[in-house]
Protein backbone atom coordinates (compact mmCIF):
# COMPACT_ATOMS: atom_id res chain seq x y z
CA MET A 1 228.65 260.07 -205.05
CA SER A 2 229.77 260.89 -208.58
CA THR A 3 229.52 258.68 -211.64
CA GLU A 4 231.97 260.82 -213.61
CA ASN A 5 229.52 261.13 -216.48
CA LEU A 6 228.87 257.38 -216.68
CA TYR A 7 226.60 257.31 -219.68
CA ARG A 8 228.42 259.98 -221.67
CA ARG A 9 231.74 258.24 -221.07
CA ALA A 10 230.19 254.94 -222.18
CA LEU A 11 229.08 256.53 -225.45
CA ARG A 12 232.51 258.07 -226.02
CA ASP A 13 234.43 254.89 -225.25
CA GLN A 14 232.26 252.80 -227.55
CA GLY A 15 232.30 255.28 -230.41
CA MET A 16 228.59 256.11 -230.01
CA GLN A 17 227.65 252.51 -230.92
CA THR A 18 225.13 252.22 -228.10
CA THR A 19 223.27 249.26 -229.59
CA SER A 20 226.27 247.11 -230.40
CA VAL A 21 226.92 243.91 -228.48
CA ARG A 22 230.30 245.24 -227.31
CA SER A 23 228.90 248.42 -225.77
CA ILE A 24 226.03 246.55 -224.09
CA GLN A 25 228.39 243.98 -222.60
CA SER A 26 230.74 246.60 -221.22
CA GLU A 27 228.28 249.14 -219.89
CA ALA A 28 224.75 247.73 -219.33
CA SER A 29 225.57 245.77 -216.17
CA ARG A 30 227.40 248.70 -214.57
CA LEU A 31 224.65 251.17 -215.47
CA ARG A 32 222.06 248.75 -214.11
CA VAL A 33 223.85 248.61 -210.75
CA HIS A 34 223.90 252.43 -210.51
CA GLN A 35 220.23 252.68 -211.46
CA ARG A 36 219.16 250.12 -208.86
CA TYR A 37 221.17 251.96 -206.23
CA LEU A 38 219.40 255.20 -207.09
CA VAL A 39 215.95 253.59 -207.14
CA HIS A 40 216.53 252.32 -203.60
CA THR A 41 218.11 255.49 -202.22
CA ASN A 42 216.67 258.34 -204.27
CA GLY A 43 212.98 259.22 -203.96
CA THR A 44 212.87 260.85 -207.39
CA ALA A 45 214.20 257.73 -209.15
CA ARG A 46 211.83 255.52 -207.21
CA THR A 47 208.84 257.72 -208.10
CA ALA A 48 209.90 257.81 -211.75
CA ARG A 49 209.88 254.01 -211.90
CA ALA A 50 206.50 253.78 -210.15
CA ARG A 51 204.87 256.29 -212.52
CA HIS A 52 206.38 254.63 -215.60
CA VAL A 53 205.02 251.22 -214.58
CA SER A 54 201.66 252.69 -213.62
CA ASN A 55 201.24 254.36 -217.02
CA LEU A 56 202.13 251.23 -218.98
CA VAL A 57 200.35 248.57 -216.93
CA GLY A 58 197.66 250.27 -214.86
CA ASN A 59 195.44 247.50 -213.54
CA GLY A 60 196.63 245.15 -216.27
CA ILE A 61 196.02 244.76 -220.00
CA LYS A 62 193.08 242.37 -220.45
CA VAL A 63 192.99 239.51 -222.95
CA ARG A 64 189.57 239.00 -224.57
CA TRP A 65 188.65 235.82 -226.46
CA GLU A 66 185.86 235.24 -228.96
CA SER A 67 183.91 232.54 -227.11
CA GLN A 68 182.62 232.70 -223.56
CA ALA A 69 184.00 229.25 -222.79
CA MET A 70 187.51 230.24 -223.84
CA GLN A 71 187.21 233.46 -221.84
CA GLN A 72 186.20 231.58 -218.70
CA LEU A 73 189.11 229.18 -219.17
CA TRP A 74 191.52 232.13 -219.52
CA ASP A 75 190.09 234.01 -216.52
CA THR A 76 190.47 230.93 -214.33
CA TRP A 77 194.05 230.34 -215.48
CA ALA A 78 195.02 234.04 -215.17
CA LEU A 79 194.26 233.97 -211.44
CA GLN A 80 196.93 231.30 -210.82
CA CYS A 81 199.30 231.67 -213.78
CA ASN A 82 202.52 232.48 -211.89
CA ALA A 83 204.89 229.67 -211.03
CA ASN A 84 205.67 231.16 -207.62
CA GLY A 85 201.97 231.36 -206.77
CA PHE A 86 202.06 235.13 -206.25
CA GLY A 87 199.47 237.35 -207.92
CA ASN A 88 197.72 236.97 -211.26
CA PHE A 89 198.41 237.80 -214.92
CA GLY A 90 198.27 241.51 -214.15
CA THR A 91 201.00 240.93 -211.57
CA THR A 92 203.11 239.27 -214.27
CA GLN A 93 202.83 242.40 -216.43
CA TYR A 94 203.67 244.59 -213.44
CA HIS A 95 206.82 242.60 -212.59
CA ALA A 96 207.90 242.41 -216.25
CA VAL A 97 207.68 246.19 -216.75
CA MET A 98 209.22 246.81 -213.31
CA ALA A 99 212.20 244.62 -214.19
CA GLY A 100 212.23 246.08 -217.71
CA PHE A 101 212.81 249.50 -216.20
CA ASP A 102 216.32 248.22 -215.42
CA GLY A 103 216.79 247.42 -219.10
CA GLU A 104 214.97 244.19 -219.86
CA ALA A 105 212.95 241.31 -218.45
CA PHE A 106 212.18 237.75 -219.43
CA VAL A 107 208.95 235.84 -218.85
CA ARG A 108 209.65 232.14 -219.05
CA GLN A 109 206.73 229.84 -219.91
CA LEU A 110 206.94 226.64 -217.87
CA VAL A 111 204.90 223.46 -218.09
CA LEU A 112 204.30 222.30 -214.53
CA ASP A 113 202.15 219.71 -212.84
CA ALA A 114 199.90 222.41 -211.43
CA PRO A 115 196.20 222.45 -210.52
CA GLY A 116 193.75 223.50 -213.21
CA ASP A 117 193.05 222.59 -216.83
CA ILE A 118 196.06 224.47 -218.25
CA PRO A 119 199.52 223.40 -216.94
CA LEU A 120 201.22 226.56 -218.27
CA ARG A 121 202.91 228.69 -215.61
CA LEU A 122 204.91 231.92 -215.90
CA GLN A 123 208.25 232.86 -214.32
CA THR A 124 209.48 236.46 -214.56
CA LEU A 125 213.28 236.79 -214.66
CA GLU A 126 215.49 239.85 -214.29
CA ALA A 127 218.21 240.79 -216.76
CA ASP A 128 220.87 239.29 -214.44
CA TYR A 129 219.73 235.77 -215.35
CA LEU A 130 221.09 236.11 -218.90
CA ASP A 131 224.88 236.39 -218.97
CA LEU A 132 225.94 239.39 -221.05
CA THR A 133 229.47 238.00 -221.49
CA HIS A 134 228.36 234.62 -222.89
CA SER A 135 229.28 234.64 -226.59
CA ASN A 136 231.00 232.21 -228.94
CA GLY A 137 231.69 234.55 -231.85
CA THR A 138 229.45 232.67 -234.27
CA ASP A 139 225.77 232.37 -233.30
CA ILE A 140 225.66 233.19 -229.57
CA TYR A 141 225.81 236.84 -228.53
CA ALA A 142 225.21 238.21 -225.02
CA GLY A 143 223.62 234.93 -223.91
CA ILE A 144 221.21 234.58 -226.88
CA GLN A 145 221.62 232.08 -229.72
CA PHE A 146 220.43 233.29 -233.15
CA ASP A 147 219.78 231.70 -236.51
CA GLY A 148 221.05 233.05 -239.83
CA TYR A 149 218.25 235.62 -240.02
CA GLY A 150 218.86 237.07 -236.58
CA ARG A 151 215.92 235.31 -234.93
CA PRO A 152 216.47 234.10 -231.35
CA GLN A 153 216.63 230.31 -231.07
CA ASN A 154 217.76 229.70 -227.48
CA TYR A 155 218.40 231.64 -224.30
CA HIS A 156 221.31 230.58 -222.07
CA PHE A 157 220.00 231.45 -218.61
CA TRP A 158 221.71 231.02 -215.29
CA GLN A 159 219.94 228.31 -213.32
CA THR A 160 219.73 230.65 -210.31
CA HIS A 161 220.29 234.35 -209.80
CA PRO A 162 224.04 235.10 -209.86
CA SER A 163 223.84 236.80 -206.46
CA TYR A 164 222.69 233.51 -204.88
CA GLN A 165 226.06 231.88 -205.57
CA ALA A 166 227.37 233.09 -202.19
CA PHE A 167 224.67 231.06 -200.49
CA ARG A 168 225.37 227.90 -202.49
CA LEU A 169 228.73 226.92 -201.04
CA GLY A 170 230.55 224.20 -202.95
CA THR A 171 228.42 224.58 -206.08
CA GLY A 172 229.02 226.74 -209.11
CA LEU A 173 226.59 228.56 -211.35
CA ARG A 174 225.09 226.47 -214.12
CA LYS A 175 223.38 227.50 -217.32
CA VAL A 176 220.05 226.27 -218.62
CA ILE A 177 219.27 226.42 -222.34
CA VAL A 178 215.65 227.46 -222.92
CA PRO A 179 214.06 227.50 -226.40
CA ALA A 180 213.09 230.96 -227.61
CA ASN A 181 209.44 229.97 -228.10
CA GLU A 182 209.23 229.49 -224.32
CA VAL A 183 210.57 232.96 -223.48
CA ALA A 184 208.96 236.38 -223.78
CA HIS A 185 211.77 238.97 -223.96
CA TYR A 186 210.70 242.49 -223.00
CA PHE A 187 213.01 245.43 -223.67
CA ARG A 188 212.96 248.73 -225.53
CA LYS A 189 214.39 247.95 -228.94
CA GLU A 190 215.63 251.30 -230.23
CA SER A 191 217.62 249.91 -233.15
CA PRO A 192 217.05 246.96 -235.53
CA SER A 193 220.37 245.44 -234.46
CA GLN A 194 219.80 245.81 -230.70
CA ILE A 195 219.52 242.47 -228.90
CA ARG A 196 219.64 243.47 -225.21
CA GLY A 197 218.15 246.35 -223.27
CA THR A 198 219.74 249.24 -221.40
CA PRO A 199 218.46 250.88 -218.18
CA LEU A 200 215.83 253.52 -218.74
CA LEU A 201 217.53 256.04 -216.44
CA ALA A 202 220.92 255.68 -218.15
CA PRO A 203 220.86 259.12 -219.84
CA VAL A 204 220.05 260.88 -216.54
CA LEU A 205 222.13 258.90 -214.03
CA ASP A 206 224.59 261.79 -213.79
CA ALA A 207 221.74 264.25 -213.26
CA LEU A 208 220.34 262.17 -210.40
CA TYR A 209 223.70 261.88 -208.64
CA GLU A 210 224.47 265.56 -209.17
CA MET A 211 221.01 266.53 -207.93
CA ASP A 212 221.63 264.57 -204.72
CA ASP A 213 224.98 266.34 -204.23
CA PHE A 214 223.43 269.71 -205.02
CA ILE A 215 220.59 269.21 -202.53
CA ASP A 216 223.02 268.06 -199.80
CA ALA A 217 225.26 271.08 -200.39
CA THR A 218 222.28 273.45 -200.39
CA VAL A 219 220.89 272.01 -197.18
CA GLY A 220 224.32 272.38 -195.53
CA ARG A 221 224.55 275.96 -196.70
CA GLN A 222 221.06 276.75 -195.40
CA ILE A 223 221.92 275.25 -192.02
CA ALA A 224 225.00 277.45 -191.88
CA ALA A 225 222.88 280.43 -192.91
CA GLN A 226 220.59 279.90 -189.93
CA ALA A 227 223.48 279.84 -187.45
CA LEU A 228 224.24 283.14 -185.71
CA ALA A 229 227.77 284.43 -185.21
CA PHE A 230 228.83 287.79 -183.76
CA VAL A 231 231.87 290.04 -184.15
CA ILE A 232 232.73 292.79 -181.69
CA LYS A 233 234.26 295.77 -183.42
CA LYS A 234 236.53 298.14 -181.46
CA ALA A 235 237.25 301.65 -182.62
CA SER A 236 240.67 301.70 -180.90
CA VAL A 237 243.06 298.97 -182.02
CA GLY A 238 245.45 299.62 -179.16
CA GLN A 239 242.98 298.39 -176.56
CA LEU A 240 242.63 294.89 -178.06
CA PRO A 241 243.63 292.07 -175.66
CA THR A 242 246.72 290.06 -176.41
CA LEU A 243 246.50 286.43 -177.50
CA GLY A 244 245.65 284.13 -174.60
CA SER A 245 244.72 286.92 -172.22
CA ILE A 246 240.95 286.55 -172.65
CA GLU A 247 240.52 283.24 -170.81
CA ALA A 248 243.39 284.00 -168.43
CA VAL A 249 241.58 286.89 -166.75
CA ASP A 250 240.14 285.65 -163.47
CA THR A 251 239.22 288.87 -161.68
CA PRO A 252 235.89 290.65 -161.11
CA ILE A 253 234.44 291.98 -164.34
CA GLY A 254 234.41 295.70 -164.74
CA PHE A 255 232.32 297.87 -167.00
CA ASN A 256 234.78 300.51 -168.18
CA GLY A 257 237.48 298.41 -169.83
CA GLN A 258 239.90 298.97 -166.92
CA ARG A 259 241.52 296.37 -164.69
CA GLY A 260 239.47 293.17 -164.24
CA PHE A 261 237.51 293.56 -167.47
CA LYS A 262 236.67 290.29 -169.32
CA PRO A 263 235.69 290.77 -172.98
CA VAL A 264 232.32 289.40 -174.15
CA GLN A 265 232.75 285.92 -175.66
CA ARG A 266 229.15 284.63 -175.76
CA ILE A 267 225.72 286.22 -175.87
CA ASP A 268 223.06 284.12 -174.16
CA PRO A 269 219.29 284.65 -174.53
CA LYS A 270 217.63 287.00 -172.02
CA THR A 271 220.92 288.51 -170.89
CA VAL A 272 222.14 292.09 -170.78
CA THR A 273 225.60 292.60 -172.18
CA TYR A 274 227.73 295.69 -171.45
CA LEU A 275 230.14 297.00 -174.03
CA ASN A 276 232.79 299.67 -173.93
CA PRO A 277 231.93 302.98 -175.57
CA ASP A 278 234.17 302.16 -178.53
CA GLU A 279 232.78 298.62 -179.08
CA GLN A 280 230.00 297.46 -181.43
CA ILE A 281 228.42 293.99 -181.93
CA GLU A 282 227.81 292.93 -185.53
CA ALA A 283 226.00 289.69 -186.54
CA LEU A 284 227.47 287.57 -189.32
CA GLN A 285 225.11 285.76 -191.72
CA THR A 286 225.76 283.40 -194.65
CA PRO A 287 224.06 284.61 -197.85
CA ASP A 288 220.92 282.71 -198.88
CA VAL A 289 221.00 280.54 -202.03
CA GLY A 290 218.26 282.60 -203.64
CA ASP A 291 216.03 281.32 -206.45
CA SER A 292 218.81 279.60 -208.43
CA PHE A 293 218.26 276.38 -206.46
CA SER A 294 214.64 275.87 -207.50
CA LYS A 295 215.32 276.75 -211.15
CA LEU A 296 218.14 274.25 -211.47
CA LEU A 297 216.18 271.59 -209.60
CA VAL A 298 213.15 271.98 -211.87
CA ALA A 299 215.35 271.70 -214.97
CA GLN A 300 216.92 268.47 -213.69
CA LEU A 301 213.54 267.00 -212.73
CA ARG A 302 212.10 267.76 -216.17
CA SER A 303 214.94 265.89 -217.89
CA ILE A 304 214.47 262.91 -215.57
CA ALA A 305 210.72 262.85 -216.24
CA ALA A 306 211.28 263.00 -220.00
CA ALA A 307 213.68 260.05 -219.86
CA CYS A 308 210.98 257.93 -218.17
CA ASP A 309 208.14 258.93 -220.52
CA ILE A 310 206.23 260.73 -217.79
CA THR A 311 205.40 264.38 -217.14
CA TYR A 312 207.14 266.67 -214.68
CA GLU A 313 203.84 267.03 -212.81
CA GLU A 314 203.52 263.24 -212.48
CA LEU A 315 207.04 262.97 -211.13
CA THR A 316 206.85 265.78 -208.59
CA GLY A 317 203.17 266.44 -207.93
CA ASP A 318 203.89 270.13 -208.55
CA MET A 319 200.90 271.70 -210.33
CA THR A 320 202.17 275.28 -210.16
CA GLY A 321 201.11 277.23 -213.24
CA VAL A 322 199.16 274.33 -214.74
CA ASN A 323 195.82 275.03 -216.40
CA TYR A 324 193.40 272.84 -218.34
CA SER A 325 194.96 273.50 -221.75
CA SER A 326 198.57 272.91 -220.71
CA ALA A 327 197.64 269.81 -218.73
CA ARG A 328 195.70 268.41 -221.68
CA VAL A 329 198.61 268.94 -224.08
CA ALA A 330 200.98 267.14 -221.69
CA ILE A 331 198.55 264.28 -221.08
CA ILE A 332 197.89 263.78 -224.80
CA THR A 333 201.62 263.60 -225.50
CA ILE A 334 202.29 261.13 -222.70
CA ARG A 335 199.29 259.00 -223.65
CA ARG A 336 200.56 258.77 -227.21
CA VAL A 337 203.97 257.60 -226.00
CA THR A 338 202.38 255.19 -223.50
CA GLU A 339 200.06 253.65 -226.10
CA GLN A 340 203.02 253.30 -228.45
CA ASN A 341 204.95 251.36 -225.81
CA GLN A 342 201.89 249.24 -225.03
CA GLN A 343 200.98 248.43 -228.63
CA LEU A 344 204.49 248.08 -230.04
CA LEU A 345 206.44 246.67 -227.08
CA LEU A 346 204.48 245.22 -224.18
CA ILE A 347 201.68 243.48 -226.09
CA PRO A 348 203.70 241.94 -228.97
CA SER A 349 206.72 240.95 -226.86
CA VAL A 350 205.02 239.68 -223.68
CA ILE A 351 201.24 239.41 -223.72
CA HIS A 352 200.64 238.06 -227.23
CA PRO A 353 203.26 235.24 -227.05
CA ILE A 354 201.80 234.11 -223.72
CA ALA A 355 198.26 234.21 -225.14
CA MET A 356 199.35 232.10 -228.12
CA ARG A 357 201.02 229.54 -225.85
CA PHE A 358 197.87 229.42 -223.75
CA ARG A 359 195.83 228.80 -226.91
CA GLU A 360 198.02 225.81 -227.74
CA PHE A 361 197.20 224.16 -224.42
CA ALA A 362 193.54 225.15 -224.67
CA GLY A 363 193.39 223.60 -228.16
CA LEU A 364 194.53 220.29 -226.70
CA ARG A 365 191.53 220.43 -224.38
CA LYS A 366 189.02 221.43 -227.08
CA GLN A 367 189.96 221.61 -230.74
CA LYS A 368 187.76 224.64 -231.40
CA PHE A 369 189.79 226.68 -228.93
CA ALA A 370 192.84 226.45 -231.24
CA LYS A 371 191.11 228.81 -233.71
CA GLU A 372 190.30 231.52 -231.18
CA VAL A 373 191.72 234.98 -231.88
CA PRO A 374 192.55 237.15 -228.86
CA ARG A 375 191.93 240.88 -228.49
CA TYR A 376 193.77 243.09 -226.02
CA GLU A 377 191.97 245.66 -223.94
CA ILE A 378 194.13 248.48 -222.59
CA PRO A 379 192.98 250.04 -219.30
CA ALA A 380 190.98 253.22 -219.82
CA THR A 381 192.61 256.45 -218.70
CA ALA A 382 190.85 259.18 -216.76
CA GLU A 383 190.07 262.50 -218.41
CA ILE A 384 191.24 265.84 -216.99
CA ASP A 385 187.70 267.18 -217.24
CA PRO A 386 185.28 264.29 -218.02
CA LEU A 387 182.35 266.62 -218.71
CA LYS A 388 184.23 268.56 -221.38
CA ALA A 389 185.45 265.33 -222.96
CA VAL A 390 181.95 263.83 -223.11
CA LYS A 391 180.48 267.02 -224.58
CA ALA A 392 183.17 267.08 -227.27
CA GLN A 393 182.53 263.42 -228.15
CA THR A 394 178.77 264.02 -228.27
CA GLU A 395 179.14 267.00 -230.61
CA LYS A 396 181.39 265.01 -232.94
CA LEU A 397 178.84 262.19 -233.04
CA ARG A 398 175.97 264.61 -233.72
CA ALA A 399 177.94 266.26 -236.54
CA GLY A 400 178.74 262.88 -238.10
CA LEU A 401 182.49 263.45 -237.81
CA THR A 402 183.16 260.20 -235.98
CA THR A 403 181.58 256.90 -235.02
CA LEU A 404 180.73 255.39 -231.68
CA GLU A 405 183.16 252.55 -232.30
CA ARG A 406 186.01 254.99 -232.95
CA GLU A 407 185.27 257.04 -229.83
CA LEU A 408 185.10 253.91 -227.68
CA SER A 409 188.38 252.70 -229.18
CA ALA A 410 189.97 256.06 -228.30
CA ASP A 411 188.93 255.42 -224.70
CA ASN A 412 190.48 251.92 -224.86
CA LEU A 413 187.03 250.30 -224.76
CA ASP A 414 185.85 247.42 -226.94
CA PHE A 415 182.84 248.33 -229.10
CA ASP A 416 181.19 244.89 -229.08
CA THR A 417 181.57 244.53 -225.32
CA VAL A 418 180.13 247.97 -224.59
CA VAL A 419 177.19 247.60 -227.00
CA ALA A 420 176.34 244.15 -225.63
CA GLN A 421 176.42 245.47 -222.08
CA ILE A 422 174.21 248.44 -222.97
CA ALA A 423 171.69 246.12 -224.63
CA LYS A 424 171.71 243.90 -221.58
CA GLU A 425 171.06 246.82 -219.27
CA GLN A 426 168.29 248.16 -221.50
CA ASN A 427 166.58 244.79 -221.35
CA LEU A 428 166.59 245.25 -217.58
CA ASN A 429 164.68 248.54 -218.09
CA ILE A 430 167.78 250.59 -217.26
CA VAL A 431 167.51 253.79 -219.30
CA LEU A 432 170.84 255.13 -220.53
CA SER A 433 171.43 258.33 -222.50
CA SER A 434 173.89 256.68 -224.86
CA ASN A 435 172.38 257.51 -228.24
CA PRO A 436 172.36 261.26 -229.05
CA SER A 437 169.91 260.88 -231.97
CA LYS A 438 167.47 258.86 -229.84
CA ASP A 439 167.80 261.37 -227.02
CA LYS A 440 166.92 264.19 -229.40
CA ALA A 441 163.87 262.33 -230.74
CA GLN A 442 162.65 261.51 -227.25
CA ALA A 443 163.10 265.13 -226.18
CA ALA A 444 161.01 266.31 -229.15
CA GLU A 445 158.21 263.88 -228.26
CA THR A 446 158.08 264.92 -224.61
CA ASP A 447 158.22 268.70 -225.23
CA VAL A 448 154.80 270.34 -224.64
CA PRO A 449 154.05 273.47 -226.71
CA PRO A 450 153.38 276.62 -224.64
CA SER A 451 149.91 277.06 -226.18
CA ALA A 452 148.84 273.61 -225.07
CA THR A 453 150.01 274.33 -221.58
CA ASP A 454 148.05 277.59 -221.48
CA GLU A 455 144.87 275.90 -222.62
CA THR A 456 145.23 273.20 -220.00
CA ASP A 457 145.74 275.79 -217.26
CA ALA A 458 142.73 277.70 -218.45
C-alpha cells in the first residue's frame, strides 16, 4: 500500500505551514488514520509506540505532597481515579501518552458521585472527540474556543466517539462544551501558534509503507531464488522436437534419441535420467538480493526510531557492534530528550493540572491542604553498567565536585525522601555504605598496623 508521499505532499500543499489551523484540519485526521493502520498491522510501528510510551511513563510519574496526611489522601484517590474504573493514576498517564502518540490526547476532569473523600474522576479521550472542522472564524478554531490572548476557554467535544454513530440509529452526534480548566490537553507543541497535535509517525509514514513493500518484494524474490528450474541444452538444433510433439509421443521410451524417445520434462528425486550424447542439463537460479537489503532496512529503521525519540537498538533489539561507550552516548541522548518531554510536556500539561484540581477538592476537606505544594518524581532509569556509574558518582563526591542531592536528582530520586529513609534504616541498625567520608573514617579506625599484628602473633 502506498501513501504517495503523504506527509511530504501535505507540507507542499499547505506551503510548509505545518502548524497552521488549515494544514492541521486538512491533514491530521488522514495521517492519524494511516498511523493507526500501521500500528495495528506493522510490528515496527507497534514496537515504536510501545518503546516511546515506556520511556516517557515507565511505571508512572509519582506525585509527592508535603504532609503525610495529604499524601495518604492522594494515594487512596490515585488507586480509583479513573471514571471507567480501570487502573490507577499511572494507567491514566499510560493511556494519555498512548493516545498522544496519534497526535494528542485529552484528560477530562469529572466530578462524580463516586466512593471516597475526593469526587474527582478522570476520563481520557482520543483526538477524535474534538472536531477538527469546528470553527466559527472568530474565537473557535479546530474545536477549541480561545480568548483574546490565545488561551483556551472551552473545548467543544463530541458527546460520544464519532465511530459510535453507526450504532446509535436515529440519533445524531452532539457536542458538549467543557471549560478549559476541566481539561488537560496533551500534545507536542512544536510552535507557539500550534493548537492541535499531529501524529508522531507522520514524517516516516512513507518509510513504513515502503519498508513493508520492500520486505514483501524481497521475500517473494527469495522464494523464487529457492525454486529450482532446469534447461536441457542440445548441441544439434535440427534434432529438437516440434511444438506439441512432446506430450503426443505415446510409445516406449528409447535411449538413443531414435523412434519412441520421449524428452525429459521433469527430474524427480532419487531417479536416474538418461540424456542423449548431445544434451546437457543446466539449473536456473534467481540471483540473491545480496547485502543491499539489510543496509536499506537498517537505514529506514534508524529514521523511524529517531522520529519516535527512541534508539535503533530499542526499536529492533539489534545490539550488533554496540559497546559500552556507544551505548552510553545513545542512552544519554535519549534520556535527555525523554526528560525534556516529561518536564516540559507531560508534567505541565497533564499531571500538574490534575494535581492542582485534586488540591482544590482536598482543600474543601481540610483548609491546610489547599496550601500544599506537589513535587513530581520521575521513575529512575537503569544504568548500562551500575558499578561503573556508582564508582563515578563516589569519586565525584569524594573530590567535592558534586553534592549528594544533585546526584540523587540526576537519578530522578528525591533527596529528602532518600535521606529520611536512610535515617530510618540506620535507626533499625541497618548499616549502609552511603557516606564516603564516614566509610573512609571507619576504615581507618578498623585498620590494624602490621607491627601490631606481628606482636600479637608473637
